Protein backbone atom coordinates (compact mmCIF):
# COMPACT_ATOMS: atom_id res chain seq x y z
CA MET A 1 78.17 65.64 109.09
CA PRO A 2 80.73 68.50 109.42
CA HIS A 3 81.95 70.24 106.30
CA PRO A 4 85.47 69.36 105.11
CA PRO A 5 88.11 72.07 105.65
CA LEU A 6 88.18 74.87 103.10
CA LEU A 7 91.99 75.02 103.38
CA GLU A 8 94.43 72.22 104.20
CA LEU A 9 98.19 72.68 104.39
CA ASP A 10 100.45 69.67 104.92
CA ARG A 11 104.18 70.19 105.62
CA VAL A 12 104.41 73.26 103.40
CA SER A 13 107.82 74.83 102.77
CA ILE A 14 108.40 77.61 100.24
CA ARG A 15 111.71 78.91 98.89
CA HIS A 16 111.74 81.99 96.67
CA GLU A 17 113.94 81.91 93.60
CA GLY A 18 117.39 83.14 94.64
CA ALA A 19 116.73 82.73 98.36
CA ARG A 20 119.14 80.67 100.46
CA SER A 21 116.50 78.98 102.57
CA ALA A 22 112.77 78.34 102.71
CA THR A 23 110.34 80.51 104.67
CA PRO A 24 107.90 79.26 105.81
CA ILE A 25 109.17 75.78 106.72
CA ASP A 26 107.16 72.59 107.27
CA VAL A 27 103.88 74.36 108.08
CA SER A 28 100.67 72.33 108.53
CA PHE A 29 97.19 73.53 109.50
CA THR A 30 93.57 73.53 108.34
CA VAL A 31 90.95 76.28 108.12
CA ALA A 32 87.28 75.42 108.49
CA ARG A 33 84.20 77.23 107.23
CA GLY A 34 83.25 80.03 109.64
CA GLU A 35 86.75 80.50 111.10
CA VAL A 36 88.69 83.76 111.25
CA VAL A 37 92.37 82.84 111.51
CA LEU A 38 95.12 85.36 112.31
CA ILE A 39 98.68 84.58 111.19
CA LEU A 40 101.37 86.26 113.31
CA GLY A 41 105.14 86.19 113.17
CA PRO A 42 108.20 88.41 112.98
CA SER A 43 109.06 90.22 109.76
CA GLY A 44 110.61 87.91 107.17
CA CYS A 45 109.17 84.67 108.58
CA GLY A 46 107.08 84.00 105.46
CA LYS A 47 103.57 85.19 106.39
CA SER A 48 102.95 86.96 103.08
CA THR A 49 104.60 84.12 101.18
CA LEU A 50 102.24 81.68 102.87
CA THR A 51 99.19 83.70 101.80
CA LEU A 52 100.38 83.59 98.18
CA ALA A 53 100.31 79.80 98.35
CA LEU A 54 96.69 79.75 99.49
CA ASP A 55 95.36 80.86 96.08
CA GLY A 56 97.94 79.16 93.86
CA LEU A 57 100.00 82.24 92.97
CA ILE A 58 102.79 80.12 94.42
CA PRO A 59 103.80 78.01 92.55
CA HIS A 60 102.05 79.15 89.34
CA ALA A 61 102.85 82.89 89.13
CA VAL A 62 105.52 83.76 91.69
CA PRO A 63 108.99 82.22 91.08
CA ALA A 64 109.23 79.96 94.11
CA THR A 65 109.47 76.27 94.94
CA LEU A 66 106.67 74.77 97.03
CA ASP A 67 107.18 71.52 98.92
CA GLY A 68 104.26 69.86 100.65
CA THR A 69 100.58 70.14 99.78
CA VAL A 70 98.05 72.97 99.76
CA LEU A 71 94.41 71.96 99.21
CA VAL A 72 91.76 74.61 98.50
CA ALA A 73 88.22 73.19 98.72
CA GLY A 74 89.84 69.80 98.09
CA LEU A 75 91.78 71.02 95.02
CA ASP A 76 95.56 70.60 94.99
CA THR A 77 96.93 74.06 94.15
CA SER A 78 99.90 72.61 92.30
CA GLU A 79 97.55 70.82 89.88
CA HIS A 80 94.90 73.50 89.28
CA PRO A 81 95.34 76.95 87.67
CA VAL A 82 94.91 80.20 89.59
CA GLY A 83 91.70 80.96 87.69
CA ALA A 84 90.02 77.79 88.93
CA LEU A 85 91.24 78.36 92.49
CA SER A 86 89.97 81.96 92.47
CA GLU A 87 86.41 80.66 92.62
CA HIS A 88 87.23 79.40 96.11
CA VAL A 89 89.80 81.92 97.43
CA ALA A 90 89.87 85.72 97.03
CA MET A 91 93.05 87.60 97.89
CA VAL A 92 93.77 91.12 99.13
CA PHE A 93 97.46 91.90 98.76
CA GLN A 94 99.68 93.88 101.10
CA ASP A 95 100.16 96.36 98.24
CA PRO A 96 96.78 97.25 96.64
CA ASP A 97 98.48 98.69 93.55
CA ALA A 98 99.59 95.17 92.66
CA GLN A 99 96.02 94.16 91.82
CA ILE A 100 94.38 97.27 90.33
CA VAL A 101 94.16 97.07 86.52
CA THR A 102 91.18 99.07 85.16
CA GLY A 103 90.25 102.72 84.64
CA THR A 104 87.31 103.19 87.03
CA VAL A 105 86.45 102.04 90.52
CA LEU A 106 83.31 100.26 89.30
CA ASP A 107 85.10 98.51 86.45
CA GLU A 108 87.75 97.30 88.90
CA VAL A 109 85.20 95.62 91.16
CA CYS A 110 83.37 94.09 88.17
CA PHE A 111 86.55 92.79 86.54
CA ALA A 112 86.97 89.49 88.43
CA PRO A 113 83.34 88.26 88.36
CA GLU A 114 83.11 89.22 84.67
CA ASN A 115 86.12 87.00 84.02
CA GLN A 116 84.33 84.23 85.87
CA LEU A 117 81.39 84.65 83.41
CA VAL A 118 78.95 85.71 86.12
CA ALA A 119 75.70 87.15 84.73
CA ALA A 120 75.85 90.92 84.17
CA SER A 121 72.99 91.68 86.56
CA GLU A 122 74.66 89.74 89.36
CA VAL A 123 78.03 91.37 88.64
CA LEU A 124 76.51 94.82 89.13
CA GLU A 125 74.63 93.70 92.23
CA ARG A 126 77.82 92.31 93.78
CA ALA A 127 79.81 95.42 92.84
CA GLU A 128 77.27 97.81 94.37
CA ARG A 129 77.08 95.86 97.60
CA ALA A 130 80.87 95.58 97.91
CA LEU A 131 81.52 99.25 97.17
CA LYS A 132 78.86 100.39 99.62
CA LEU A 133 80.34 98.18 102.31
CA VAL A 134 83.76 99.84 101.94
CA GLY A 135 82.40 103.35 101.46
CA LEU A 136 83.34 103.83 97.78
CA TRP A 137 80.01 103.61 95.96
CA SER A 138 79.85 107.40 95.53
CA ARG A 139 83.26 107.30 93.82
CA ARG A 140 82.49 104.44 91.44
CA ALA A 141 83.10 106.54 88.31
CA GLU A 142 86.54 107.78 89.40
CA ASN A 143 89.91 106.47 88.28
CA PRO A 144 91.50 104.33 91.04
CA ASP A 145 94.64 106.47 90.70
CA THR A 146 92.75 109.38 92.29
CA LEU A 147 92.15 107.40 95.50
CA SER A 148 94.46 107.67 98.47
CA GLY A 149 96.53 104.65 99.52
CA GLY A 150 93.82 103.77 102.01
CA GLY A 151 91.13 104.25 99.38
CA ARG A 152 92.91 101.85 97.04
CA GLN A 153 93.16 99.32 99.86
CA ARG A 154 89.40 99.52 100.43
CA LEU A 155 88.91 99.11 96.68
CA ALA A 156 91.03 95.95 96.72
CA ILE A 157 88.88 94.56 99.53
CA ALA A 158 85.72 95.39 97.57
CA CYS A 159 87.14 93.51 94.57
CA ALA A 160 87.74 90.45 96.74
CA LEU A 161 84.25 90.62 98.22
CA ALA A 162 82.67 90.83 94.76
CA MET A 163 84.21 87.47 93.84
CA ALA A 164 81.92 85.80 96.43
CA ALA A 165 84.56 83.19 97.20
CA PRO A 166 84.10 81.23 100.45
CA VAL A 167 87.69 81.98 101.59
CA LEU A 168 88.99 85.55 101.92
CA VAL A 169 92.74 85.99 102.47
CA LEU A 170 93.95 89.45 103.51
CA ASP A 171 97.58 90.50 103.89
CA GLU A 172 97.82 93.62 106.11
CA PRO A 173 94.46 94.97 104.87
CA THR A 174 94.42 98.05 107.13
CA ALA A 175 98.06 99.11 106.92
CA ASN A 176 97.34 102.25 104.88
CA LEU A 177 93.93 103.11 106.30
CA ASP A 178 92.90 105.88 108.65
CA PRO A 179 90.95 104.81 111.77
CA ALA A 180 87.59 105.41 110.11
CA GLY A 181 88.66 103.23 107.17
CA ILE A 182 89.86 100.54 109.58
CA ASP A 183 86.48 100.56 111.29
CA GLU A 184 84.77 100.18 107.89
CA VAL A 185 86.97 97.25 106.89
CA TYR A 186 86.47 95.40 110.15
CA ALA A 187 82.74 96.01 110.04
CA VAL A 188 82.77 94.16 106.70
CA LEU A 189 84.96 91.36 108.04
CA ARG A 190 82.79 91.08 111.15
CA GLU A 191 79.73 90.61 108.94
CA LEU A 192 81.52 87.93 106.89
CA ALA A 193 82.65 86.16 110.05
CA SER A 194 79.17 86.20 111.56
CA ASP A 195 77.46 84.36 108.70
CA ARG A 196 79.71 81.31 109.25
CA ASP A 197 79.71 80.50 105.54
CA HIS A 198 83.07 82.14 104.90
CA ALA A 199 86.56 81.58 106.23
CA VAL A 200 88.90 84.53 106.69
CA VAL A 201 92.69 84.23 106.86
CA LEU A 202 94.28 87.43 108.07
CA VAL A 203 97.85 88.69 108.32
CA GLU A 204 97.64 91.81 110.46
CA HIS A 205 99.83 93.86 112.80
CA ASN A 206 96.98 96.04 114.06
CA LEU A 207 95.70 93.65 116.69
CA ASP A 208 93.70 96.37 118.42
CA ALA A 209 91.36 96.28 115.42
CA ALA A 210 91.50 92.54 114.75
CA VAL A 211 91.18 91.00 118.20
CA ASP A 212 87.39 91.23 118.35
CA ILE A 213 86.78 89.10 115.25
CA VAL A 214 89.60 86.55 115.35
CA ASP A 215 88.83 82.99 116.46
CA ARG A 216 92.27 81.45 116.18
CA VAL A 217 95.93 82.49 116.09
CA ILE A 218 98.71 80.77 114.15
CA VAL A 219 102.22 81.97 115.00
CA LEU A 220 105.41 81.45 112.99
CA ASP A 221 108.84 81.94 114.50
CA ALA A 222 111.70 83.85 112.88
CA ASP A 223 112.67 80.79 110.82
CA GLY A 224 109.12 80.37 109.50
CA ARG A 225 108.18 77.33 111.58
CA LEU A 226 104.72 77.04 113.15
CA VAL A 227 105.14 77.33 116.93
CA ILE A 228 101.62 78.20 118.16
CA ASP A 229 98.15 77.29 116.91
CA GLY A 230 95.37 78.01 119.36
CA PRO A 231 92.27 80.01 120.33
CA ALA A 232 92.85 83.72 119.84
CA ARG A 233 92.00 85.22 123.21
CA GLU A 234 93.51 82.37 125.19
CA THR A 235 96.73 82.52 123.15
CA LEU A 236 97.14 86.30 123.30
CA ARG A 237 96.56 86.34 127.06
CA GLU A 238 98.29 83.19 128.28
CA ARG A 239 101.25 83.25 125.90
CA ALA A 240 101.79 87.01 125.73
CA ASP A 241 105.36 86.79 127.06
CA GLU A 242 106.24 84.17 124.46
CA LEU A 243 104.73 86.30 121.69
CA ALA A 244 106.58 89.37 122.93
CA ALA A 245 109.85 87.44 122.92
CA LEU A 246 109.21 86.50 119.28
CA GLY A 247 108.90 90.22 118.49
CA VAL A 248 105.33 90.09 117.15
CA TRP A 249 102.71 92.73 117.78
CA LEU A 250 100.31 92.50 120.70
CA PRO A 251 97.30 94.72 121.40
CA VAL A 252 98.32 98.05 122.95
CA SER A 253 96.17 97.30 126.00
CA THR A 254 98.02 94.01 126.54
CA LEU A 255 101.42 95.68 126.22
CA ALA A 256 100.32 98.35 128.71
CA ALA A 257 99.21 95.69 131.19
CA MET A 258 102.52 93.85 130.83
CA ARG A 259 104.39 97.07 131.61
CA LEU A 260 102.17 97.68 134.63
CA ARG A 261 102.76 94.10 135.80
CA ASP A 262 106.48 94.81 135.88
CA ALA A 263 105.67 97.85 138.03
CA GLY A 264 103.70 95.74 140.50
CA VAL A 265 100.18 96.33 139.14
CA VAL A 266 98.88 92.90 138.14
CA LEU A 267 95.85 92.79 135.85
CA ASP A 268 94.57 89.22 135.53
CA PRO A 269 93.48 88.20 132.95
CA LEU A 270 95.54 90.39 130.65
CA PRO A 271 93.25 92.86 128.84
CA LEU A 272 93.07 92.78 125.04
CA THR A 273 91.01 95.93 124.34
CA PRO A 274 90.88 99.50 125.72
CA ALA A 275 87.51 98.72 127.33
CA GLU A 276 88.98 95.69 129.11
CA LEU A 277 92.04 97.68 130.22
CA GLY A 278 89.87 100.51 131.55
CA ALA A 279 87.66 98.10 133.50
CA ALA A 280 90.68 96.27 134.92
CA LEU A 281 92.34 99.52 136.04
CA ASP A 282 89.15 100.73 137.71
CA ALA A 283 88.99 97.45 139.62
CA VAL A 284 92.37 98.19 141.25
CA PRO A 285 91.80 100.06 144.55
CA VAL A 286 95.05 102.06 144.43
CA LEU A 287 97.17 102.88 141.41
CA PRO A 288 100.58 104.58 141.55
CA ALA A 289 100.70 108.08 140.14
CA PRO A 290 101.37 108.16 136.40
CA LEU A 291 104.57 109.71 135.18
CA SER A 292 104.49 113.18 133.68
CA ALA A 293 103.49 113.58 130.04
CA SER A 294 106.75 115.49 129.64
CA SER A 295 108.83 112.56 130.85
CA PRO A 296 111.72 111.84 128.49
CA VAL A 297 110.42 110.87 125.08
CA ARG A 298 112.49 112.03 122.17
CA SER A 299 110.46 113.40 119.31
CA THR A 300 109.87 112.20 115.76
CA ALA A 301 107.57 114.92 114.45
CA LEU A 302 108.55 118.44 115.27
CA SER A 303 107.13 121.95 115.27
CA PRO A 304 108.27 124.90 117.39
CA ARG A 305 104.84 126.48 117.87
CA PRO A 306 102.96 125.64 121.09
CA ALA A 307 99.58 126.93 119.94
CA VAL A 308 96.80 124.95 118.33
CA HIS A 309 95.59 126.74 115.23
CA SER A 310 92.05 126.67 113.94
CA PRO A 311 91.27 125.72 110.32
CA THR A 312 90.55 129.38 109.59
CA SER A 313 93.97 130.60 110.63
CA PRO A 314 95.48 132.39 107.63
CA HIS A 315 99.04 131.41 108.53
CA ALA A 316 99.59 127.89 109.74
CA ALA A 317 102.64 127.21 111.82
CA PRO A 318 105.74 125.79 110.10
CA ALA A 319 105.33 122.11 109.36
CA ALA A 320 108.53 121.08 111.13
CA ALA A 321 111.56 122.43 112.90
CA VAL A 322 114.49 120.90 114.71
CA SER A 323 114.72 121.00 118.50
CA ARG A 324 117.94 120.02 120.28
CA ARG A 325 117.93 118.89 123.90
CA LEU A 326 120.75 120.12 126.13
CA GLY A 327 120.56 118.78 129.67
CA GLN A 328 117.04 119.44 130.93
CA GLY A 329 116.33 122.27 128.52
CA VAL A 330 115.30 122.52 124.88
CA ILE A 331 116.83 125.07 122.54
CA GLU A 332 114.59 125.86 119.57
CA ALA A 333 116.42 126.51 116.32
CA ASP A 334 115.10 128.38 113.30
CA PRO A 335 112.48 126.44 111.30
CA VAL A 336 113.99 123.88 108.97
CA ILE A 337 110.75 123.35 107.02
CA ARG A 338 108.39 126.23 106.30
CA ALA A 339 105.16 126.16 104.26
CA ARG A 340 102.80 129.10 103.71
CA GLY A 341 99.43 128.87 101.95
CA LEU A 342 100.43 125.57 100.38
CA SER A 343 98.00 123.83 98.01
CA VAL A 344 98.87 120.80 95.89
CA GLN A 345 96.98 119.24 93.00
CA ARG A 346 97.96 116.88 90.23
CA GLY A 347 99.89 118.79 87.62
CA GLY A 348 100.53 121.86 89.75
CA ARG A 349 101.42 123.36 93.12
CA ARG A 350 100.71 126.74 94.76
CA GLY A 351 102.37 128.25 97.82
CA PRO A 352 106.04 128.55 98.84
CA THR A 353 107.79 125.64 100.54
CA VAL A 354 111.27 126.04 101.99
CA VAL A 355 113.42 123.17 103.27
CA GLU A 356 116.90 123.94 104.55
CA GLY A 357 116.65 127.35 102.92
CA VAL A 358 115.71 126.19 99.40
CA ASP A 359 112.57 125.25 97.46
CA PRO A 360 112.79 121.45 96.86
CA ALA A 361 110.89 121.81 93.57
CA ARG A 362 113.69 123.96 92.18
CA CYS A 363 116.62 121.78 93.32
CA ASP A 364 118.37 119.26 91.12
CA ALA A 365 118.12 115.63 92.20
CA ARG A 366 121.55 115.53 93.86
CA ASP A 367 120.97 118.68 95.92
CA ARG A 368 117.49 117.56 96.93
CA ALA A 369 118.74 114.12 98.02
CA ARG A 370 121.53 115.79 100.01
CA ARG A 371 118.97 117.81 101.96
CA ILE A 372 115.93 115.51 102.23
CA GLY A 373 115.64 111.76 102.67
CA PHE A 374 112.20 110.45 101.72
CA VAL A 375 110.59 107.08 102.43
CA PHE A 376 107.54 106.28 100.28
CA GLN A 377 104.38 104.68 101.61
CA ASN A 378 104.95 101.88 99.11
CA PRO A 379 108.64 100.88 99.26
CA GLU A 380 108.57 99.37 95.76
CA HIS A 381 107.93 102.82 94.29
CA GLN A 382 111.51 103.81 95.11
CA PHE A 383 113.45 100.65 94.23
CA ILE A 384 115.51 100.85 91.04
CA ALA A 385 118.42 98.43 91.55
CA PRO A 386 118.69 94.64 91.08
CA SER A 387 119.96 93.88 94.60
CA VAL A 388 119.63 95.12 98.17
CA ALA A 389 123.27 96.27 98.30
CA GLU A 390 123.00 98.07 94.96
CA GLU A 391 119.86 99.86 96.15
CA LEU A 392 121.80 101.30 99.07
CA ALA A 393 124.74 102.13 96.82
CA GLN A 394 122.55 104.23 94.52
CA SER A 395 121.92 106.82 97.23
CA LEU A 396 125.65 107.24 97.77
CA ARG A 397 126.49 107.36 94.07
CA VAL A 398 124.07 110.26 93.61
CA GLN A 399 126.20 112.14 96.13
CA GLY A 400 129.41 111.20 94.29
CA THR A 401 130.72 108.97 97.08
CA PRO A 402 133.64 106.84 95.83
CA ASP A 403 132.99 103.09 95.85
CA ALA A 404 135.80 102.47 98.35
CA GLU A 405 134.11 104.80 100.84
CA ALA A 406 130.62 103.56 100.05
CA GLU A 407 131.25 99.87 100.75
CA PRO A 408 131.72 100.10 104.55
CA GLN A 409 128.68 102.39 104.79
CA ILE A 410 126.59 99.84 102.88
CA ASP A 411 127.81 97.02 105.14
CA ALA A 412 126.95 99.04 108.25
CA MET A 413 123.45 99.82 106.99
CA LEU A 414 122.81 96.15 106.11
CA ARG A 415 123.81 95.16 109.66
CA ARG A 416 121.72 97.95 111.16
CA PHE A 417 118.55 96.68 109.49
CA GLY A 418 119.23 92.94 109.68
CA LEU A 419 119.60 92.57 105.90
CA GLU A 420 123.12 91.12 105.69
CA SER A 421 121.97 87.69 104.47
CA LEU A 422 119.84 89.35 101.79
CA ARG A 423 122.61 91.49 100.32
CA GLU A 424 122.27 90.02 96.80
CA GLN A 425 118.49 89.49 96.88
CA HIS A 426 116.31 91.49 94.49
CA PRO A 427 114.40 94.14 96.51
CA PHE A 428 111.06 93.07 95.03
CA LEU A 429 111.51 89.56 96.48
CA LEU A 430 111.88 90.79 100.07
CA SER A 431 109.08 90.50 102.60
CA GLY A 432 106.96 93.59 103.24
CA GLY A 433 108.86 94.37 106.44
CA GLN A 434 112.23 93.86 104.77
CA LYS A 435 111.25 96.17 101.92
CA ARG A 436 110.32 98.84 104.44
CA ARG A 437 113.65 98.52 106.27
CA LEU A 438 115.53 98.77 102.98
CA SER A 439 113.56 101.85 101.94
CA VAL A 440 114.40 103.55 105.24
CA GLY A 441 118.03 102.55 104.83
CA THR A 442 118.25 104.14 101.39
CA ALA A 443 116.95 107.40 102.88
CA LEU A 444 119.25 107.32 105.90
CA ILE A 445 122.50 106.31 104.24
CA ALA A 446 123.09 109.66 102.53
CA GLY A 447 122.86 111.48 105.88
CA ALA A 448 120.31 114.13 104.84
CA PRO A 449 119.46 116.64 107.63
CA VAL A 450 115.71 116.25 106.95
CA LEU A 451 114.02 112.86 106.88
CA ALA A 452 110.37 112.42 105.83
CA LEU A 453 108.67 109.04 106.20
CA ASP A 454 105.23 107.98 104.99
CA GLU A 455 103.80 105.19 107.21
CA PRO A 456 107.26 103.93 108.27
CA THR A 457 106.02 101.08 110.48
CA PHE A 458 103.84 99.53 107.77
CA GLY A 459 104.74 95.84 107.45
CA GLN A 460 107.10 95.86 110.45
CA ASP A 461 106.92 93.46 113.35
CA ARG A 462 106.94 94.97 116.84
CA ALA A 463 110.67 94.47 117.42
CA ARG A 464 111.70 96.00 114.09
CA ALA A 465 109.23 98.88 114.43
CA SER A 466 110.64 99.69 117.86
CA GLU A 467 114.18 99.56 116.50
CA LEU A 468 113.24 101.89 113.66
CA LEU A 469 111.45 104.40 115.89
CA ASP A 470 114.29 104.39 118.41
CA MET A 471 116.71 104.99 115.54
CA LEU A 472 114.62 107.92 114.32
CA ARG A 473 114.51 109.58 117.71
CA THR A 474 118.27 109.07 118.10
CA LEU A 475 118.78 110.79 114.75
CA ASN A 476 116.43 113.53 115.93
CA ASP A 477 118.42 114.00 119.13
CA GLU A 478 121.55 114.32 116.99
CA GLY A 479 119.95 117.12 114.94
CA THR A 480 118.01 115.43 112.14
CA THR A 481 114.55 116.87 111.51
CA VAL A 482 112.13 113.94 111.26
CA LEU A 483 108.65 114.23 109.81
CA VAL A 484 106.42 111.14 110.02
CA VAL A 485 103.10 110.67 108.25
CA THR A 486 101.04 108.03 110.03
CA HIS A 487 97.55 106.95 111.02
CA ASP A 488 98.89 105.16 114.11
CA LEU A 489 97.87 107.44 116.95
CA GLN A 490 99.55 105.29 119.60
CA LEU A 491 102.82 105.70 117.71
CA VAL A 492 102.16 109.44 117.64
CA ALA A 493 101.42 109.56 121.36
CA ASP A 494 104.52 107.56 122.26
CA TYR A 495 107.07 109.23 119.99
CA ALA A 496 105.92 112.61 118.68
CA SER A 497 106.56 115.90 120.45
CA HIS A 498 104.28 117.83 118.06
CA ILE A 499 101.42 116.99 115.73
CA ALA A 500 99.98 118.47 112.57
CA ALA A 501 96.47 117.04 112.15
CA MET A 502 94.81 117.17 108.70
CA HIS A 503 91.36 116.38 107.36
CA ASP A 504 90.11 116.59 103.76
CA GLY A 505 93.41 118.17 102.75
CA ARG A 506 93.20 121.00 105.29
CA LEU A 507 95.30 121.59 108.36
CA LEU A 508 93.16 121.42 111.50
CA ALA A 509 95.79 121.76 114.20
CA VAL A 510 99.50 122.14 114.81
CA GLY A 511 100.86 121.93 118.32
CA PRO A 512 102.38 119.85 121.11
CA ALA A 513 101.30 116.22 120.91
CA ALA A 514 99.72 116.06 124.36
CA GLU A 515 97.74 119.27 123.71
CA VAL A 516 96.38 118.16 120.34
CA LEU A 517 95.57 114.62 121.52
CA ALA A 518 93.64 116.01 124.50
CA GLY A 519 91.42 118.20 122.33
CA PRO A 520 88.41 117.57 120.08
CA LEU A 521 90.27 118.05 116.79
CA VAL A 522 91.50 114.44 116.74
CA GLU A 523 87.94 113.20 116.28
CA GLN A 524 87.15 116.03 113.85
CA ALA A 525 90.05 114.85 111.70
CA GLY A 526 88.41 111.42 111.37
CA LEU A 527 90.97 109.87 113.72
CA ARG A 528 90.59 107.97 116.99
CA HIS A 529 92.34 108.69 120.25
CA PRO A 530 95.20 106.26 120.99
CA PRO A 531 94.10 102.95 122.55
CA LEU A 532 95.81 103.78 125.83
CA ALA A 533 94.03 107.14 126.02
CA ARG A 534 90.69 105.47 125.28
CA ALA A 535 91.30 103.14 128.22
CA THR A 536 92.28 105.83 130.74
CA ARG A 537 90.15 108.85 129.93
CA GLY A 538 86.96 107.25 131.30
CA LEU A 539 88.39 105.87 134.56
CA VAL A 540 86.10 106.54 137.52
CA ARG A 541 88.34 105.58 140.44
CA HIS A 542 91.53 107.16 139.14
CA PRO A 543 90.90 110.61 137.62
CA SER A 544 94.62 111.42 137.83
CA TRP A 545 95.09 108.89 135.01
CA HIS A 546 92.73 110.66 132.58
CA GLY A 547 95.64 112.30 130.76
CA VAL A 548 97.65 109.11 130.27
CA SER A 549 98.07 108.50 126.54
CA ARG A 550 101.67 107.32 126.07
CA MET A 551 103.42 104.21 127.34
CA SER A 552 106.18 106.26 128.96
CA GLN A 553 103.62 107.69 131.40
CA LEU A 554 102.94 104.24 132.89
CA PRO A 555 104.83 103.58 136.13
CA VAL A 556 108.03 101.59 135.69
CA SER A 557 108.37 100.52 139.32
CA SER A 558 105.90 100.63 142.16
CA ALA A 559 104.98 98.97 145.45
CA ALA A 560 101.28 99.13 144.53
CA GLY A 561 99.48 95.83 144.77
CA SER A 562 96.70 94.44 142.69
């Protein structure tokens, strides 16, 4: 006899306190033991909200109204406390800081099973196994605050694993991880999926990592209604155009094949991985010549130096400088950001840093905000106001902008980021993608000449991420210096003109993006080459494609057949 579903949702609608409408709306599905289910949908459709209902945090802890029924291992979540439900469902939040409460890594992983009164010997056994799986066992005595954002995310996953619950729910679990960390996380999830005793529910934008382990895809539309529920590979291949129209992410290899299809190169079936894309391209007898790597792509990370510097170089190149394009040429201006011998540690800093001619550490808050706009990796770390509109207004008030002048600027920024209907909403009640858009808006609205962004596409759907990146390169073309910190090497390949690659706190390379991506230092930095580059660099039939790493190099029109 088959096992009953571990999760059952029947006509579930959720409306946050203060929200005008429910998202998601009228959602029904089940999750069986052994399934890995991916939830996709555009930013703001209610994906994260839905995950909070799977372990009872909605309606018991988060101020929201839940209509319909959620059953976890047969238990109605509205009738059972979160503690009882946690024996059946473990949760990894989009923001790992929201669930870290103790003083050491080991204590953090032990905390949940100890509260479940698990025997001490088993608690330690579970903790050791979980920490080794995510690569943190050697750091078990450290304070979680000393971990990077990616390290804290791996810790949160270890905590969930130590609970030994049959259902694991993960909301963007790899958003802050480097490629090596992503590989570690998916190795763990692959092991869980293979034993068929667990169910995994995953909200994830990085489909290049997820596609190999996902069995099933559930898609919500912009209103939060379920529009697709089907097998993963079949859905991603056969309904790719529908998914693209919804604005959700697709694997890079699939997006590349769709672009090639428009150019007359038909790859059928659509590839989902770099290996599949490479094999499909090599099966095509004749491919059109790729476009030049220097074809028009406006830059989002800038440095004027063409050379790649070794780790032993005593003077690294400036971290960023503005370049302005005039016609077909590029005029290099003086460096806008300059760092020499810079070392940073908690409680101190050594080495001069100059931005727009001043040391940011010695500026007052108003002067610093006038010169540098900064977007944190975690948007909530920069929110201080009770509403979206007030958050934007704060940046202008710091500059002394009169309210009468500020109001039209606020309205324009709300429209620019699709936040008009959320004007009076508290920033903490926004979706992850909406929080990110608001955080970028607060940095942009003051018009600073230097803009630094830490993982700006985290939590964004494909459409919003593209809008944001296009906005950044437009600002760059207009003279804004833009510095982006990211682990997304395809983003780097597609948008950056220059790269500074770091590993273990040291600068390995600074130089033109194509030059750095073609060299060995990417792997030495613990990164992975972009998915498109991994697909093309091993082609046998088409060696002229070995240097293709960015989407803009793919032909846009061609008479080539399949």
